[in-house]
C-alpha atoms as a PDB file:
ATOM      1  CA  MET A   1      46.759  50.082  73.075  1.00  0.00           C
ATOM      2  CA  GLU A   2      46.507  47.315  75.663  1.00  0.00           C
ATOM      3  CA  ASP A   3      49.099  44.534  75.925  1.00  0.00           C
ATOM      4  CA  GLY A   4      46.531  41.942  74.783  1.00  0.00           C
ATOM      5  CA  ASP A   5      45.786  43.867  71.596  1.00  0.00           C
ATOM      6  CA  SER A   6      49.490  44.281  70.852  1.00  0.00           C
ATOM      7  CA  SER A   7      50.030  40.560  71.330  1.00  0.00           C
ATOM      8  CA  ARG A   8      47.174  39.674  68.964  1.00  0.00           C
ATOM      9  CA  LEU A   9      48.453  42.108  66.327  1.00  0.00           C
ATOM     10  CA  GLY A  10      51.932  40.609  66.651  1.00  0.00           C
ATOM     11  CA  MET A  11      50.593  37.078  66.170  1.00  0.00           C
ATOM     12  CA  LEU A  12      48.521  38.214  63.163  1.00  0.00           C
ATOM     13  CA  LYS A  13      51.554  39.843  61.530  1.00  0.00           C
ATOM     14  CA  LYS A  14      53.639  36.717  62.179  1.00  0.00           C
ATOM     15  CA  ASN A  15      51.012  34.451  60.575  1.00  0.00           C
ATOM     16  CA  MET A  16      50.716  36.778  57.563  1.00  0.00           C
ATOM     17  CA  ASP A  17      54.502  36.723  57.118  1.00  0.00           C
ATOM     18  CA  ARG A  18      54.477  32.915  57.188  1.00  0.00           C
ATOM     19  CA  SER A  19      51.675  32.784  54.611  1.00  0.00           C
ATOM     20  CA  MET A  20      53.505  35.165  52.264  1.00  0.00           C
ATOM     21  CA  ASN A  21      56.681  33.103  52.644  1.00  0.00           C
ATOM     22  CA  VAL A  22      54.824  29.932  51.589  1.00  0.00           C
ATOM     23  CA  ILE A  23      53.298  31.726  48.580  1.00  0.00           C
ATOM     24  CA  PHE A  24      56.750  33.029  47.587  1.00  0.00           C
ATOM     25  CA  ARG A  25      58.317  29.585  47.818  1.00  0.00           C
ATOM     26  CA  PHE A  26      55.666  27.968  45.628  1.00  0.00           C
ATOM     27  CA  ARG A  27      55.213  30.875  43.210  1.00  0.00           C
ATOM     28  CA  PHE A  28      56.442  28.670  40.354  1.00  0.00           C
ATOM     29  CA  ALA A  29      53.284  26.553  40.634  1.00  0.00           C
ATOM     30  CA  ILE A  30      50.866  29.452  40.148  1.00  0.00           C
ATOM     31  CA  PRO A  31      50.780  29.288  36.300  1.00  0.00           C
ATOM     32  CA  PHE A  32      50.037  25.561  36.413  1.00  0.00           C
ATOM     33  CA  LEU A  33      47.245  25.992  38.947  1.00  0.00           C
ATOM     34  CA  PHE A  34      45.757  28.630  36.644  1.00  0.00           C
ATOM     35  CA  LEU A  35      45.894  26.240  33.700  1.00  0.00           C
ATOM     36  CA  PHE A  36      44.305  23.461  35.764  1.00  0.00           C
ATOM     37  CA  PHE A  37      41.326  25.612  36.727  1.00  0.00           C
ATOM     38  CA  LEU A  38      41.096  26.833  33.141  1.00  0.00           C
ATOM     39  CA  VAL A  39      40.602  23.245  31.998  1.00  0.00           C
ATOM     40  CA  HIS A  40      38.488  22.109  34.966  1.00  0.00           C
ATOM     41  CA  PRO A  41      35.161  23.655  33.891  1.00  0.00           C
ATOM     42  CA  LEU A  42      35.330  22.030  30.450  1.00  0.00           C
ATOM     43  CA  HIS A  43      34.474  18.455  29.567  1.00  0.00           C
ATOM     44  CA  ALA A  44      35.620  14.916  30.311  1.00  0.00           C
ATOM     45  CA  GLN A  45      35.801  12.697  27.265  1.00  0.00           C
ATOM     46  CA  SER A  46      34.573   9.177  27.928  1.00  0.00           C
ATOM     47  CA  GLU A  47      36.394   7.546  25.018  1.00  0.00           C
ATOM     48  CA  ALA A  48      39.948   8.831  25.464  1.00  0.00           C
ATOM     49  CA  GLU A  49      42.517   7.184  23.207  1.00  0.00           C
ATOM     50  CA  PRO A  50      44.595   4.646  25.240  1.00  0.00           C
ATOM     51  CA  ARG A  51      48.390   4.806  25.311  1.00  0.00           C
ATOM     52  CA  THR A  52      49.903   1.363  24.872  1.00  0.00           C
ATOM     53  CA  TRP A  53      53.382   2.892  25.049  1.00  0.00           C
ATOM     54  CA  ASP A  54      54.512   6.393  25.968  1.00  0.00           C
ATOM     55  CA  PHE A  55      58.110   7.454  25.168  1.00  0.00           C
ATOM     56  CA  ALA A  56      59.550  10.873  25.982  1.00  0.00           C
ATOM     57  CA  ILE A  57      62.715  12.919  26.221  1.00  0.00           C
ATOM     58  CA  TRP A  58      62.740  15.545  28.953  1.00  0.00           C
ATOM     59  CA  ALA A  59      64.765  18.163  30.822  1.00  0.00           C
ATOM     60  CA  ALA A  60      64.116  19.765  34.211  1.00  0.00           C
ATOM     61  CA  GLY A  61      65.505  22.571  36.329  1.00  0.00           C
ATOM     62  CA  GLU A  62      64.992  22.946  40.036  1.00  0.00           C
ATOM     63  CA  THR A  63      65.879  25.349  42.803  1.00  0.00           C
ATOM     64  CA  GLY A  64      65.809  24.574  46.488  1.00  0.00           C
ATOM     65  CA  GLU A  65      67.382  24.502  49.910  1.00  0.00           C
ATOM     66  CA  GLU A  66      70.021  22.259  51.498  1.00  0.00           C
ATOM     67  CA  ASN A  67      71.517  23.852  54.606  1.00  0.00           C
ATOM     68  CA  THR A  68      69.561  27.102  54.812  1.00  0.00           C
ATOM     69  CA  ASN A  69      65.936  28.183  54.485  1.00  0.00           C
ATOM     70  CA  SER A  70      66.557  29.879  51.136  1.00  0.00           C
ATOM     71  CA  PHE A  71      65.086  28.269  48.014  1.00  0.00           C
ATOM     72  CA  ALA A  72      67.749  30.144  46.024  1.00  0.00           C
ATOM     73  CA  GLU A  73      70.565  28.180  47.694  1.00  0.00           C
ATOM     74  CA  ALA A  74      70.943  25.293  45.216  1.00  0.00           C
ATOM     75  CA  GLN A  75      70.130  24.808  41.526  1.00  0.00           C
ATOM     76  CA  ILE A  76      70.041  21.466  39.677  1.00  0.00           C
ATOM     77  CA  LEU A  77      69.625  20.530  36.011  1.00  0.00           C
ATOM     78  CA  THR A  78      68.550  17.016  34.962  1.00  0.00           C
ATOM     79  CA  ALA A  79      67.682  15.432  31.621  1.00  0.00           C
ATOM     80  CA  GLY A  80      66.764  11.943  30.460  1.00  0.00           C
ATOM     81  CA  VAL A  81      64.285   9.608  28.810  1.00  0.00           C
ATOM     82  CA  PHE A  82      60.932   8.222  29.974  1.00  0.00           C
ATOM     83  CA  LEU A  83      59.001   5.084  29.024  1.00  0.00           C
ATOM     84  CA  GLY A  84      55.468   4.498  30.242  1.00  0.00           C
ATOM     85  CA  LYS A  85      52.413   2.307  29.745  1.00  0.00           C
ATOM     86  CA  GLU A  86      48.826   2.874  30.811  1.00  0.00           C
ATOM     87  CA  LEU A  87      47.710   0.152  33.216  1.00  0.00           C
ATOM     88  CA  THR A  88      43.976   0.793  33.292  1.00  0.00           C
ATOM     89  CA  GLY A  89      41.108   1.864  31.126  1.00  0.00           C
ATOM     90  CA  GLU A  90      39.206   4.954  32.126  1.00  0.00           C
ATOM     91  CA  ALA A  91      38.102   4.907  35.755  1.00  0.00           C
ATOM     92  CA  GLY A  92      36.279   7.285  38.053  1.00  0.00           C
ATOM     93  CA  LYS A  93      33.411   9.661  37.439  1.00  0.00           C
ATOM     94  CA  GLY A  94      33.140  13.304  36.473  1.00  0.00           C
ATOM     95  CA  TRP A  95      36.269  15.404  37.000  1.00  0.00           C
ATOM     96  CA  ARG A  96      38.032  12.425  38.675  1.00  0.00           C
ATOM     97  CA  ARG A  97      37.822  10.303  35.507  1.00  0.00           C
ATOM     98  CA  GLY A  98      41.159   9.263  33.987  1.00  0.00           C
ATOM     99  CA  ARG A  99      43.706   6.529  33.349  1.00  0.00           C
ATOM    100  CA  LEU A 100      46.599   5.265  35.510  1.00  0.00           C
ATOM    101  CA  GLU A 101      49.981   5.124  33.795  1.00  0.00           C
ATOM    102  CA  TYR A 102      53.137   3.416  35.092  1.00  0.00           C
ATOM    103  CA  GLY A 103      56.537   4.491  33.862  1.00  0.00           C
ATOM    104  CA  PHE A 104      60.232   4.591  34.578  1.00  0.00           C
ATOM    105  CA  SER A 105      62.877   7.127  33.737  1.00  0.00           C
ATOM    106  CA  VAL A 106      66.663   7.201  33.275  1.00  0.00           C
ATOM    107  CA  PHE A 107      68.524  10.491  33.560  1.00  0.00           C
ATOM    108  CA  PRO A 108      72.221  10.352  32.576  1.00  0.00           C
ATOM    109  CA  LEU A 109      72.494  14.092  33.227  1.00  0.00           C
ATOM    110  CA  PHE A 110      72.365  15.323  36.821  1.00  0.00           C
ATOM    111  CA  ARG A 111      74.233  18.562  37.384  1.00  0.00           C
ATOM    112  CA  GLN A 112      74.208  20.864  40.388  1.00  0.00           C
ATOM    113  CA  PHE A 113      75.562  24.359  39.683  1.00  0.00           C
ATOM    114  CA  ARG A 114      75.071  25.875  43.137  1.00  0.00           C
ATOM    115  CA  ALA A 115      76.038  25.642  45.961  1.00  0.00           C
ATOM    116  CA  GLU A 116      78.731  23.224  44.640  1.00  0.00           C
ATOM    117  CA  SER A 117      79.574  21.919  41.162  1.00  0.00           C
ATOM    118  CA  ILE A 118      78.444  18.268  41.278  1.00  0.00           C
ATOM    119  CA  TYR A 119      77.443  15.906  38.486  1.00  0.00           C
ATOM    120  CA  GLY A 120      76.105  12.366  38.157  1.00  0.00           C
ATOM    121  CA  GLY A 121      73.153  10.325  36.906  1.00  0.00           C
ATOM    122  CA  GLY A 122      70.237   8.289  38.138  1.00  0.00           C
ATOM    123  CA  PHE A 123      66.954   6.529  37.491  1.00  0.00           C
ATOM    124  CA  GLU A 124      63.346   6.437  38.657  1.00  0.00           C
ATOM    125  CA  PRO A 125      61.953   2.872  38.591  1.00  0.00           C
ATOM    126  CA  VAL A 126      58.532   3.947  39.872  1.00  0.00           C
ATOM    127  CA  ILE A 127      56.527   6.751  38.243  1.00  0.00           C
ATOM    128  CA  LEU A 128      52.757   6.704  38.748  1.00  0.00           C
ATOM    129  CA  ARG A 129      50.851   9.209  36.636  1.00  0.00           C
ATOM    130  CA  TRP A 130      47.098   9.869  36.560  1.00  0.00           C
ATOM    131  CA  ASN A 131      46.164  11.149  33.099  1.00  0.00           C
ATOM    132  CA  SER A 132      42.927  13.073  33.489  1.00  0.00           C
ATOM    133  CA  SER A 133      40.125  12.613  30.962  1.00  0.00           C
ATOM    134  CA  LEU A 134      39.215  16.241  31.592  1.00  0.00           C
ATOM    135  CA  HIS A 135      40.555  18.219  28.652  1.00  0.00           C
ATOM    136  CA  THR A 136      40.084  20.515  25.733  1.00  0.00           C
ATOM    137  CA  SER A 137      41.001  19.440  22.222  1.00  0.00           C
ATOM    138  CA  HIS A 138      44.650  20.385  22.791  1.00  0.00           C
ATOM    139  CA  LEU A 139      45.226  20.474  26.537  1.00  0.00           C
ATOM    140  CA  ALA A 140      44.840  18.068  29.489  1.00  0.00           C
ATOM    141  CA  PRO A 141      46.133  17.963  33.098  1.00  0.00           C
ATOM    142  CA  TYR A 142      47.832  15.137  34.999  1.00  0.00           C
ATOM    143  CA  ILE A 143      49.223  14.416  38.468  1.00  0.00           C
ATOM    144  CA  GLU A 144      52.073  12.074  39.397  1.00  0.00           C
ATOM    145  CA  LEU A 145      54.304  10.598  42.097  1.00  0.00           C
ATOM    146  CA  ALA A 146      57.807   9.214  41.493  1.00  0.00           C
ATOM    147  CA  GLY A 147      60.770   7.764  43.349  1.00  0.00           C
ATOM    148  CA  GLY A 148      64.294   6.691  42.450  1.00  0.00           C
ATOM    149  CA  ALA A 149      67.992   7.188  43.144  1.00  0.00           C
ATOM    150  CA  VAL A 150      70.961   9.266  41.977  1.00  0.00           C
ATOM    151  CA  ARG A 151      74.722   8.630  42.071  1.00  0.00           C
ATOM    152  CA  THR A 152      77.134  11.576  41.969  1.00  0.00           C
ATOM    153  CA  ASN A 153      80.876  12.072  41.519  1.00  0.00           C
ATOM    154  CA  THR A 154      81.175  13.354  45.073  1.00  0.00           C
ATOM    155  CA  ASN A 155      79.026  13.614  48.163  1.00  0.00           C
ATOM    156  CA  PHE A 156      75.698  15.360  47.616  1.00  0.00           C
ATOM    157  CA  PRO A 157      74.977  17.781  49.181  1.00  0.00           C
ATOM    158  CA  ALA A 158      78.641  18.628  49.725  1.00  0.00           C
ATOM    159  CA  GLY A 159      80.058  17.612  53.092  1.00  0.00           C
ATOM    160  CA  ASP A 160      80.044  14.493  55.236  1.00  0.00           C
ATOM    161  CA  THR A 161      77.016  13.024  53.423  1.00  0.00           C
ATOM    162  CA  SER A 162      76.879  10.374  50.645  1.00  0.00           C
ATOM    163  CA  ASP A 163      77.456  10.058  46.889  1.00  0.00           C
ATOM    164  CA  PHE A 164      74.343   7.827  46.634  1.00  0.00           C
ATOM    165  CA  ASN A 165      70.971   9.398  47.351  1.00  0.00           C
ATOM    166  CA  PHE A 166      67.291   8.577  47.024  1.00  0.00           C
ATOM    167  CA  THR A 167      64.864  10.838  45.180  1.00  0.00           C
ATOM    168  CA  ALA A 168      61.158  11.512  45.582  1.00  0.00           C
ATOM    169  CA  ARG A 169      58.883  13.973  43.830  1.00  0.00           C
ATOM    170  CA  GLY A 170      55.213  14.739  43.413  1.00  0.00           C
ATOM    171  CA  GLY A 171      53.165  17.239  41.488  1.00  0.00           C
ATOM    172  CA  GLY A 172      51.390  17.653  38.203  1.00  0.00           C
ATOM    173  CA  GLY A 173      51.308  19.452  34.929  1.00  0.00           C
ATOM    174  CA  ILE A 174      49.731  20.048  31.575  1.00  0.00           C
ATOM    175  CA  GLN A 175      49.888  18.050  28.346  1.00  0.00           C
ATOM    176  CA  LEU A 176      49.772  20.198  25.191  1.00  0.00           C
ATOM    177  CA  PHE A 177      48.867  18.030  22.190  1.00  0.00           C
ATOM    178  CA  THR A 178      50.719  18.895  18.982  1.00  0.00           C
ATOM    179  CA  LYS A 179      49.580  15.870  16.944  1.00  0.00           C
ATOM    180  CA  SER A 180      47.227  12.931  17.513  1.00  0.00           C
ATOM    181  CA  ARG A 181      49.927  10.864  19.268  1.00  0.00           C
ATOM    182  CA  GLN A 182      52.475  13.520  20.209  1.00  0.00           C
ATOM    183  CA  PHE A 183      52.382  16.116  22.967  1.00  0.00           C
ATOM    184  CA  VAL A 184      54.475  18.510  25.015  1.00  0.00           C
ATOM    185  CA  ASP A 185      54.495  17.921  28.779  1.00  0.00           C
ATOM    186  CA  ILE A 186      55.038  20.886  31.141  1.00  0.00           C
ATOM    187  CA  GLY A 187      55.264  19.933  34.811  1.00  0.00           C
ATOM    188  CA  CYS A 188      55.733  21.536  38.225  1.00  0.00           C
ATOM    189  CA  ARG A 189      56.744  19.310  41.162  1.00  0.00           C
ATOM    190  CA  TRP A 190      58.013  19.260  44.713  1.00  0.00           C
ATOM    191  CA  SER A 191      61.418  17.520  44.734  1.00  0.00           C
ATOM    192  CA  HIS A 192      63.278  15.793  47.576  1.00  0.00           C
ATOM    193  CA  ILE A 193      66.762  14.193  47.637  1.00  0.00           C
ATOM    194  CA  SER A 194      68.373  12.567  50.686  1.00  0.00           C
ATOM    195  CA  ASN A 195      70.654   9.624  51.550  1.00  0.00           C
ATOM    196  CA  ALA A 196      68.380   7.931  54.135  1.00  0.00           C
ATOM    197  CA  ASN A 197      71.260   8.026  56.656  1.00  0.00           C
ATOM    198  CA  LEU A 198      73.754   6.235  54.394  1.00  0.00           C
ATOM    199  CA  GLY A 199      76.205   9.037  55.208  1.00  0.00           C
ATOM    200  CA  THR A 200      77.311  10.481  58.508  1.00  0.00           C
ATOM    201  CA  ARG A 201      74.995  13.426  57.872  1.00  0.00           C
ATOM    202  CA  ASN A 202      71.680  13.273  56.017  1.00  0.00           C
ATOM    203  CA  THR A 203      71.486  16.787  54.615  1.00  0.00           C
ATOM    204  CA  GLU A 204      68.373  17.029  52.420  1.00  0.00           C
ATOM    205  CA  PHE A 205      67.663  18.893  49.224  1.00  0.00           C
ATOM    206  CA  ASN A 206      64.081  20.166  49.025  1.00  0.00           C
ATOM    207  CA  GLY A 207      62.951  22.274  46.113  1.00  0.00           C
ATOM    208  CA  ILE A 208      60.619  23.071  43.261  1.00  0.00           C
ATOM    209  CA  GLN A 209      61.197  21.454  39.853  1.00  0.00           C
ATOM    210  CA  ILE A 210      59.972  22.693  36.477  1.00  0.00           C
ATOM    211  CA  SER A 211      60.172  20.182  33.600  1.00  0.00           C
ATOM    212  CA  VAL A 212      59.530  20.111  29.853  1.00  0.00           C
ATOM    213  CA  GLY A 213      59.257  16.918  27.813  1.00  0.00           C
ATOM    214  CA  TYR A 214      58.201  15.764  24.379  1.00  0.00           C
ATOM    215  CA  HIS A 215      56.154  12.531  24.126  1.00  0.00           C
ATOM    216  CA  TRP A 216      55.453  10.028  21.390  1.00  0.00           C
ATOM    217  CA  THR A 217      52.643   7.515  22.062  1.00  0.00           C
ATOM    218  CA  ARG A 218      51.249   4.486  20.273  1.00  0.00           C
END
């Protein structure tokens, strides 16, 4: 085999390894992508019931990296309450049709189990959620972006960092309706936590978050 062929095969193998690594890292999102495409071919209801207020309790677990490239390095558990309000009527056409909801969240429970035992609490003053009008009678998708802050009992991540950090996340999920104004929310999101250089070092947490919440609307 010529040197050129060996070089091309080496580059191909390297690219395939990178692709498999990305798929492995985001394997948690595969069930939610399946559910989204399951709902996508169905119908968009033009007269969806508006949500004047949306209250929820929720819990989330996440795994990610801080100092290494391993998504198994750090695990975090959070739990709190959410309050939201839809800002718009239905907008968009076809599969893009939906309603924009604004919300905020308070989470008194923030606990990291690995790599260090750290606890604290925080809040998210900005949560923007697009509730899709595309749904079945019991299931509908959504996407969202959120940002906030967390305060911990010691520096997070451990080291010469900061005990006050900013949070950002983005992703989506599925709403499973149990009653006319109650539903279960299952979400999968990318999660980021860093101190924006408030500490000597700005070690970041980047991971995948899975959440479950129960909503009451009116």
